[in-house]
Amino acid sequence: MATQSLKCPNCDKVVPIAGDQSRLVEHSLTQHAMKTIRASEKTTHTMECRGCGARIEVDGTSRAAECPFCGSDYVLADREADAVIPDGVLPFQVDKNRVGELFRQWLKGRWLAPGELKHLYQKDRLQGIYVPYWTFDAKVNARYTALGGRHRTVTRKGADGKTEHRIVTDWYPTSGNLRHFFDDILVPASEKIDARLLRRTGYYGTQQIVSYAPEYLSGYGAECYTVDLNVAHSEAVGTMERELESMARSEVLSRYDEAADICVRADYQEETYKHVLLPMYSTAYTYKGKQYRVLINGQSGRVEGDYPKSPVRIGMIVFAVLLILALVYWYSSGPHMRADTLPVWEEGQLYDYEIEEEAAWAYSEDNLPT
């Protein structure tokens, strides 16, 4: 049994954690093996958001009063729910001091955002929360059929006598076998976070997942899962099928120039799953009556979110582009370039022009104009 320590983000207290690796197990899909803890035995409280309805388990020492997903007020749930004990947890790798700086840097990089947006950052509103996920493993034996195309050049003479070259593709039936082990296919178990925004925060290194201990929730919240296991399993199978098709396509293209009509028949064996908690910082802010959300990956520190665009700055960019186009048009089709404005030379007439030679300029520091 390995012992780790966790620093509370609120009080900086170091809490020792005894990690039991035997609890980090893969459950067979043939039986619903999730463990639960009764509400009367919990050390956390079930909070419910008045705005989006999210249900979050919070540590008894948590001082958060706002939902990390929408910014609305938390209230104690009418009924304490039984909690599903996660199989594993990925501890936060980014502390709150660093995450605040990451958020400020992200704001500074939004050059289309209004200037006053940088003043909206509030440390207490950037909350750390564990997001529920399902992970799926499977050993797959698959057979695929497809059409492989080979290119060849056909040469013939046209009606005008000129030689023409044309590329044609000859198609051949082909097939093959695939064997692959899928490890930790992640499927979010949350319906309260925008899936598009969640994907943009990047991937998690699941190799760092450890067995669950309640001390990991010290100072953090954990959202209760809202995506059923069967629904998540169907999504995971879809991910595996797309990966198998991509693998089959790569195999066909290793022998042919093109691939088409790929059909994969897969046999899934030894399928298992885990219920895990992954770290995320979340905040919501309101600007001119509209709400925006920002997520920060608690492992990698990647920041993704929505932000308002300044009409003034967008207008300046549009004006600058139009000005450049107008200058290009003026120089390319202005009067000094038109043939009908050039002088007409008459035979026998003398023209006196004073030619000014342009002085050469040596670009050195000593010759710079003062």
Protein backbone atom coordinates (compact mmCIF):
# COMPACT_ATOMS: atom_id res chain seq x y z
CA MET A 1 0.00 0.00 0.00
CA ALA A 2 1.59 3.28 -1.15
CA THR A 3 1.22 6.51 0.80
CA GLN A 4 0.88 9.85 -0.95
CA SER A 5 0.16 13.37 0.25
CA LEU A 6 -2.24 16.01 -0.98
CA LYS A 7 -2.08 19.76 -0.33
CA CYS A 8 -5.46 21.35 0.30
CA PRO A 9 -6.01 24.26 -2.13
CA ASN A 10 -7.91 26.26 0.48
CA CYS A 11 -5.91 25.95 3.69
CA ASP A 12 -2.57 24.56 2.38
CA LYS A 13 -2.83 21.66 4.82
CA VAL A 14 -0.93 18.56 3.70
CA VAL A 15 -3.16 15.49 3.95
CA PRO A 16 -1.58 12.00 3.81
CA ILE A 17 -3.40 9.58 1.51
CA ALA A 18 -3.10 5.82 1.63
CA GLY A 19 -3.61 4.61 -1.93
CA ASP A 20 -4.87 1.05 -2.28
CA GLN A 21 -3.92 0.00 -5.80
CA SER A 22 -6.10 -3.11 -5.57
CA ARG A 23 -9.18 -0.88 -5.84
CA LEU A 24 -8.14 0.39 -9.27
CA VAL A 25 -9.86 -2.48 -11.05
CA GLU A 26 -11.52 -3.01 -14.40
CA HIS A 27 -15.15 -4.15 -14.14
CA SER A 28 -16.58 -6.64 -16.59
CA LEU A 29 -19.41 -5.34 -18.72
CA THR A 30 -21.34 -8.51 -17.99
CA GLN A 31 -22.06 -7.32 -14.47
CA HIS A 32 -22.81 -3.95 -12.95
CA ALA A 33 -20.05 -3.91 -10.36
CA MET A 34 -20.07 -0.25 -9.33
CA LYS A 35 -19.90 0.26 -5.59
CA THR A 36 -22.07 2.82 -3.83
CA ILE A 37 -21.96 4.52 -0.48
CA ARG A 38 -25.09 5.39 1.42
CA ALA A 39 -25.98 9.04 1.97
CA SER A 40 -25.78 8.59 5.75
CA GLU A 41 -22.18 7.37 5.46
CA LYS A 42 -20.87 10.10 3.17
CA THR A 43 -18.35 12.71 4.25
CA THR A 44 -19.41 14.98 1.38
CA HIS A 45 -22.57 16.96 0.74
CA THR A 46 -24.72 16.86 -2.38
CA MET A 47 -25.16 20.38 -3.76
CA GLU A 48 -27.59 21.28 -6.52
CA CYS A 49 -27.29 24.27 -8.85
CA ARG A 50 -30.33 26.52 -9.11
CA GLY A 51 -29.37 27.45 -12.67
CA CYS A 52 -28.29 24.40 -14.67
CA GLY A 53 -29.36 21.69 -12.22
CA ALA A 54 -25.90 20.13 -11.85
CA ARG A 55 -25.49 17.89 -8.81
CA ILE A 56 -22.04 18.06 -7.26
CA GLU A 57 -20.50 16.31 -4.30
CA VAL A 58 -18.47 18.83 -2.29
CA ASP A 59 -16.12 18.35 0.59
CA GLY A 60 -17.36 19.49 3.99
CA THR A 61 -14.64 22.18 4.07
CA SER A 62 -15.53 23.59 0.65
CA ARG A 63 -16.33 27.31 0.61
CA ALA A 64 -17.65 27.39 -2.94
CA ALA A 65 -21.11 28.97 -3.19
CA GLU A 66 -21.43 29.17 -6.97
CA CYS A 67 -21.80 26.52 -9.64
CA PRO A 68 -18.54 26.09 -11.60
CA PHE A 69 -20.51 25.44 -14.78
CA CYS A 70 -22.92 28.38 -14.95
CA GLY A 71 -22.09 30.67 -12.03
CA SER A 72 -25.50 30.32 -10.38
CA ASP A 73 -25.93 29.84 -6.64
CA TYR A 74 -25.45 26.46 -5.00
CA VAL A 75 -28.06 25.14 -2.62
CA LEU A 76 -28.02 22.05 -0.48
CA ALA A 77 -29.96 19.34 -2.30
CA ASP A 78 -33.39 18.48 -0.91
CA ARG A 79 -32.22 14.91 -0.51
CA GLU A 80 -28.72 13.59 -0.02
CA ALA A 81 -28.15 11.04 -2.77
CA ASP A 82 -26.23 7.80 -2.50
CA ALA A 83 -22.87 8.30 -4.17
CA VAL A 84 -21.10 6.00 -6.59
CA ILE A 85 -17.60 5.32 -5.38
CA PRO A 86 -15.20 6.00 -8.29
CA ASP A 87 -12.66 3.35 -9.19
CA GLY A 88 -9.92 5.90 -9.77
CA VAL A 89 -9.03 9.55 -9.71
CA LEU A 90 -6.48 11.65 -11.55
CA PRO A 91 -5.20 14.18 -8.97
CA PHE A 92 -4.84 17.84 -9.87
CA GLN A 93 -1.41 18.62 -11.33
CA VAL A 94 -2.00 22.38 -11.62
CA ASP A 95 -2.54 24.28 -8.37
CA LYS A 96 -4.81 27.30 -8.00
CA ASN A 97 -1.96 29.83 -7.94
CA ARG A 98 -0.67 28.70 -11.34
CA VAL A 99 -4.13 28.28 -12.84
CA GLY A 100 -4.92 31.92 -12.10
CA GLU A 101 -1.89 33.01 -14.10
CA LEU A 102 -2.83 30.64 -16.94
CA PHE A 103 -6.28 32.20 -17.05
CA ARG A 104 -4.88 35.75 -17.16
CA GLN A 105 -2.48 34.81 -19.95
CA TRP A 106 -5.37 33.30 -21.89
CA LEU A 107 -7.35 36.51 -21.53
CA LYS A 108 -4.41 38.60 -22.75
CA GLY A 109 -4.17 36.43 -25.86
CA ARG A 110 -7.78 37.11 -26.87
CA TRP A 111 -6.97 40.16 -29.00
CA LEU A 112 -10.54 40.42 -30.28
CA ALA A 113 -11.91 40.62 -26.74
CA PRO A 114 -12.80 43.95 -25.10
CA GLY A 115 -9.99 45.50 -23.07
CA GLU A 116 -11.96 45.51 -19.82
CA LEU A 117 -12.38 41.72 -19.97
CA LYS A 118 -9.08 41.19 -18.15
CA HIS A 119 -10.55 42.80 -15.04
CA LEU A 120 -13.27 40.16 -14.77
CA TYR A 121 -10.95 37.49 -13.35
CA GLN A 122 -11.86 36.59 -9.77
CA LYS A 123 -9.78 33.96 -8.01
CA ASP A 124 -12.63 32.64 -5.88
CA ARG A 125 -14.83 31.99 -8.92
CA LEU A 126 -12.30 29.72 -10.62
CA GLN A 127 -13.19 26.38 -9.04
CA GLY A 128 -11.50 23.04 -9.21
CA ILE A 129 -13.88 20.18 -9.89
CA TYR A 130 -13.54 16.52 -10.74
CA VAL A 131 -15.46 15.64 -13.90
CA PRO A 132 -16.85 12.09 -14.14
CA TYR A 133 -15.73 9.85 -17.00
CA TRP A 134 -16.17 6.26 -18.07
CA THR A 135 -13.15 4.41 -19.46
CA PHE A 136 -13.48 1.30 -21.61
CA ASP A 137 -11.01 -1.42 -22.57
CA ALA A 138 -11.51 -4.13 -25.19
CA LYS A 139 -9.56 -6.75 -27.08
CA VAL A 140 -10.73 -6.74 -30.71
CA ASN A 141 -10.36 -9.25 -33.52
CA ALA A 142 -11.71 -7.84 -36.75
CA ARG A 143 -11.92 -8.75 -40.42
CA TYR A 144 -12.35 -6.17 -43.13
CA THR A 145 -13.23 -6.15 -46.79
CA ALA A 146 -12.57 -3.27 -49.14
CA LEU A 147 -11.78 -2.17 -52.67
CA GLY A 148 -8.21 -1.22 -53.47
CA GLY A 149 -7.54 1.03 -56.45
CA ARG A 150 -4.38 1.11 -58.58
CA HIS A 151 -3.67 4.01 -60.89
CA ARG A 152 -2.37 3.59 -64.43
CA THR A 153 -1.78 6.06 -67.21
CA VAL A 154 -3.55 5.62 -70.53
CA THR A 155 -2.04 7.32 -73.58
CA ARG A 156 -3.95 7.94 -76.78
CA LYS A 157 -4.13 10.38 -79.65
CA GLY A 158 -6.97 12.84 -79.82
CA ALA A 159 -8.97 13.93 -82.87
CA ASP A 160 -6.47 16.74 -83.46
CA GLY A 161 -3.59 14.31 -83.53
CA LYS A 162 -2.15 15.40 -80.19
CA THR A 163 -1.13 12.83 -77.60
CA GLU A 164 -3.30 12.78 -74.48
CA HIS A 165 -2.48 11.21 -71.12
CA ARG A 166 -5.25 10.15 -68.77
CA ILE A 167 -5.07 8.43 -65.37
CA VAL A 168 -7.57 5.65 -64.74
CA THR A 169 -8.11 3.57 -61.61
CA ASP A 170 -8.55 -0.20 -61.63
CA TRP A 171 -10.38 -1.54 -58.56
CA TYR A 172 -9.66 -4.90 -56.91
CA PRO A 173 -11.38 -6.63 -53.98
CA THR A 174 -9.15 -7.03 -50.94
CA SER A 175 -9.50 -8.12 -47.31
CA GLY A 176 -7.51 -8.52 -44.14
CA ASN A 177 -7.51 -9.14 -40.40
CA LEU A 178 -6.95 -6.70 -37.54
CA ARG A 179 -6.04 -7.29 -33.93
CA HIS A 180 -5.97 -4.43 -31.50
CA PHE A 181 -6.31 -3.73 -27.78
CA PHE A 182 -8.14 -0.55 -26.89
CA ASP A 183 -7.02 0.86 -23.55
CA ASP A 184 -8.87 3.57 -21.63
CA ILE A 185 -11.27 4.89 -24.25
CA LEU A 186 -12.57 7.98 -22.42
CA VAL A 187 -16.24 8.96 -22.53
CA PRO A 188 -17.45 11.98 -20.51
CA ALA A 189 -20.16 11.09 -17.99
CA SER A 190 -21.29 14.72 -17.66
CA GLU A 191 -24.15 16.38 -19.51
CA LYS A 192 -23.61 19.79 -17.90
CA ILE A 193 -20.38 20.67 -19.69
CA ASP A 194 -20.39 21.62 -23.36
CA ALA A 195 -18.95 18.54 -25.12
CA ARG A 196 -17.31 20.74 -27.77
CA LEU A 197 -15.56 22.80 -25.11
CA LEU A 198 -14.60 19.70 -23.17
CA ARG A 199 -12.91 18.14 -26.23
CA ARG A 200 -10.95 21.33 -26.86
CA THR A 201 -9.29 21.15 -23.43
CA GLY A 202 -7.22 18.24 -24.71
CA TYR A 203 -6.55 14.69 -23.62
CA TYR A 204 -5.69 13.25 -20.24
CA GLY A 205 -2.79 10.94 -19.45
CA THR A 206 -4.75 8.09 -17.90
CA GLN A 207 -1.54 6.34 -16.86
CA GLN A 208 -1.47 8.70 -13.86
CA ILE A 209 -4.88 7.61 -12.56
CA VAL A 210 -4.61 6.25 -9.02
CA SER A 211 -7.05 4.37 -6.83
CA TYR A 212 -9.75 6.55 -5.36
CA ALA A 213 -9.52 7.94 -1.83
CA PRO A 214 -12.01 10.47 -0.40
CA GLU A 215 -9.14 12.74 0.65
CA TYR A 216 -8.60 13.69 -3.01
CA LEU A 217 -11.86 15.67 -2.82
CA SER A 218 -10.47 17.91 -0.08
CA GLY A 219 -11.10 21.45 -1.30
CA TYR A 220 -12.62 20.27 -4.58
CA GLY A 221 -16.03 19.20 -5.85
CA ALA A 222 -16.95 16.15 -7.90
CA GLU A 223 -19.87 16.18 -10.30
CA CYS A 224 -22.27 13.27 -10.09
CA TYR A 225 -22.35 11.33 -13.34
CA THR A 226 -25.40 11.85 -15.57
CA VAL A 227 -24.51 9.68 -18.58
CA ASP A 228 -25.58 6.08 -18.11
CA LEU A 229 -23.05 3.27 -18.52
CA ASN A 230 -24.89 1.71 -21.49
CA VAL A 231 -25.05 5.04 -23.32
CA ALA A 232 -21.36 5.65 -22.70
CA HIS A 233 -20.50 2.12 -23.87
CA SER A 234 -22.28 2.71 -27.18
CA GLU A 235 -20.27 5.89 -27.69
CA ALA A 236 -17.03 4.06 -26.87
CA VAL A 237 -17.86 1.30 -29.39
CA GLY A 238 -18.44 3.98 -32.03
CA THR A 239 -15.00 5.42 -31.28
CA MET A 240 -13.42 1.98 -31.61
CA GLU A 241 -15.22 1.29 -34.90
CA ARG A 242 -13.94 4.54 -36.39
CA GLU A 243 -10.42 3.68 -35.29
CA LEU A 244 -10.68 0.18 -36.77
CA GLU A 245 -11.90 1.60 -40.09
CA SER A 246 -8.96 4.01 -40.09
CA MET A 247 -6.57 1.11 -39.44
CA ALA A 248 -8.13 -0.92 -42.27
CA ARG A 249 -7.84 2.06 -44.62
CA SER A 250 -4.16 2.43 -43.76
CA GLU A 251 -3.55 -1.25 -44.50
CA VAL A 252 -5.27 -1.05 -47.88
CA LEU A 253 -3.37 2.12 -48.80
CA SER A 254 -0.11 0.36 -47.98
CA ARG A 255 -0.82 -1.94 -50.96
CA TYR A 256 -2.95 0.23 -53.24
CA ASP A 257 -3.21 3.84 -54.36
CA GLU A 258 -6.80 4.30 -53.15
CA ALA A 259 -9.25 2.63 -50.77
CA ALA A 260 -13.04 2.48 -50.91
CA ASP A 261 -16.07 0.56 -49.62
CA ILE A 262 -14.36 -0.44 -46.36
CA CYS A 263 -16.45 -2.77 -44.21
CA VAL A 264 -15.20 -3.93 -40.79
CA ARG A 265 -16.72 -6.76 -38.76
CA ALA A 266 -15.35 -6.70 -35.23
CA ASP A 267 -15.51 -9.20 -32.40
CA TYR A 268 -15.13 -7.47 -29.01
CA GLN A 269 -13.70 -9.59 -26.22
CA GLU A 270 -12.75 -9.06 -22.58
CA GLU A 271 -14.54 -5.70 -22.41
CA THR A 272 -14.10 -3.84 -19.14
CA TYR A 273 -14.85 -0.39 -17.76
CA LYS A 274 -13.93 1.98 -14.93
CA HIS A 275 -15.64 5.00 -13.38
CA VAL A 276 -13.00 7.71 -12.86
CA LEU A 277 -12.77 11.38 -11.89
CA LEU A 278 -10.59 13.72 -13.96
CA PRO A 279 -9.45 17.21 -12.84
CA MET A 280 -10.84 20.39 -14.36
CA TYR A 281 -10.97 24.04 -13.39
CA SER A 282 -14.15 25.78 -14.44
CA THR A 283 -15.53 29.27 -14.25
CA ALA A 284 -18.40 31.20 -15.73
CA TYR A 285 -18.59 34.97 -16.10
CA THR A 286 -21.14 37.42 -17.44
CA TYR A 287 -20.32 40.27 -19.81
CA LYS A 288 -23.04 42.69 -20.88
CA GLY A 289 -25.79 40.26 -19.97
CA LYS A 290 -24.34 37.22 -21.75
CA GLN A 291 -22.69 34.27 -20.04
CA TYR A 292 -19.37 32.73 -21.06
CA ARG A 293 -17.59 29.61 -19.79
CA VAL A 294 -13.89 28.77 -19.48
CA LEU A 295 -12.37 25.35 -18.73
CA ILE A 296 -8.78 24.60 -17.71
CA ASN A 297 -7.38 21.08 -17.88
CA GLY A 298 -6.26 20.26 -14.33
CA GLN A 299 -3.47 18.01 -15.60
CA SER A 300 -1.98 19.85 -18.59
CA GLY A 301 -3.10 23.43 -17.88
CA ARG A 302 -4.64 23.86 -21.33
CA VAL A 303 -7.19 26.70 -21.34
CA GLU A 304 -10.24 26.76 -23.59
CA GLY A 305 -13.35 28.89 -23.42
CA ASP A 306 -15.72 31.33 -25.02
CA TYR A 307 -15.29 35.09 -24.83
CA PRO A 308 -17.02 38.21 -26.18
CA LYS A 309 -15.72 39.85 -29.36
CA SER A 310 -15.35 43.62 -29.37
CA PRO A 311 -17.34 45.23 -32.22
CA VAL A 312 -14.92 48.17 -32.16
CA ARG A 313 -11.86 45.96 -32.68
CA ILE A 314 -13.58 43.90 -35.35
CA GLY A 315 -14.58 47.14 -37.09
CA MET A 316 -10.98 48.37 -36.99
CA ILE A 317 -9.77 45.13 -38.59
CA VAL A 318 -12.42 45.34 -41.31
CA PHE A 319 -11.54 48.98 -41.96
CA ALA A 320 -7.82 48.15 -42.21
CA VAL A 321 -8.51 45.33 -44.70
CA LEU A 322 -10.75 47.56 -46.82
CA LEU A 323 -8.13 50.32 -46.75
CA ILE A 324 -5.42 47.94 -47.96
CA LEU A 325 -7.67 46.65 -50.76
CA ALA A 326 -8.48 50.21 -51.78
CA LEU A 327 -4.79 51.16 -51.92
CA VAL A 328 -3.98 48.07 -53.97
CA TYR A 329 -6.78 48.91 -56.39
CA TRP A 330 -5.71 52.55 -56.62
CA TYR A 331 -2.10 51.68 -57.39
CA SER A 332 -3.04 49.01 -59.93
CA SER A 333 -5.68 50.99 -61.81
CA GLY A 334 -5.03 54.64 -60.93
CA PRO A 335 -4.67 57.46 -63.55
CA HIS A 336 -0.88 57.24 -63.55
CA MET A 337 -1.18 53.68 -64.88
CA ARG A 338 -3.83 54.18 -67.53
CA ALA A 339 -2.68 54.27 -71.19
CA ASP A 340 -5.12 57.03 -72.19
CA THR A 341 -3.42 59.50 -69.80
CA LEU A 342 0.11 59.00 -71.15
CA PRO A 343 1.57 61.97 -73.17
CA VAL A 344 1.20 61.84 -76.94
CA TRP A 345 4.50 62.24 -78.73
CA GLU A 346 4.38 64.35 -81.88
CA GLU A 347 7.05 63.96 -84.52
CA GLY A 348 9.41 66.89 -84.84
CA GLN A 349 8.52 68.46 -81.50
CA LEU A 350 11.19 68.93 -78.86
CA TYR A 351 10.48 68.16 -75.25
CA ASP A 352 12.56 69.51 -72.40
CA TYR A 353 12.55 67.35 -69.28
CA GLU A 354 14.55 67.91 -66.14
CA ILE A 355 15.61 64.58 -64.77
CA GLU A 356 16.30 64.40 -61.07
CA GLU A 357 18.57 61.61 -60.02
CA GLU A 358 17.61 59.90 -56.80
CA ALA A 359 20.46 60.02 -54.32
CA ALA A 360 21.72 56.65 -53.14
CA TRP A 361 21.16 56.00 -49.45
CA ALA A 362 23.51 53.94 -47.36
CA TYR A 363 21.57 52.31 -44.57
CA SER A 364 23.96 52.52 -41.63
CA GLU A 365 23.61 54.05 -38.21
CA ASP A 366 25.92 56.93 -39.08
CA ASN A 367 23.76 57.91 -42.05
CA LEU A 368 20.37 57.84 -40.37
CA PRO A 369 18.50 61.17 -40.69
CA THR A 370 18.44 63.37 -37.60
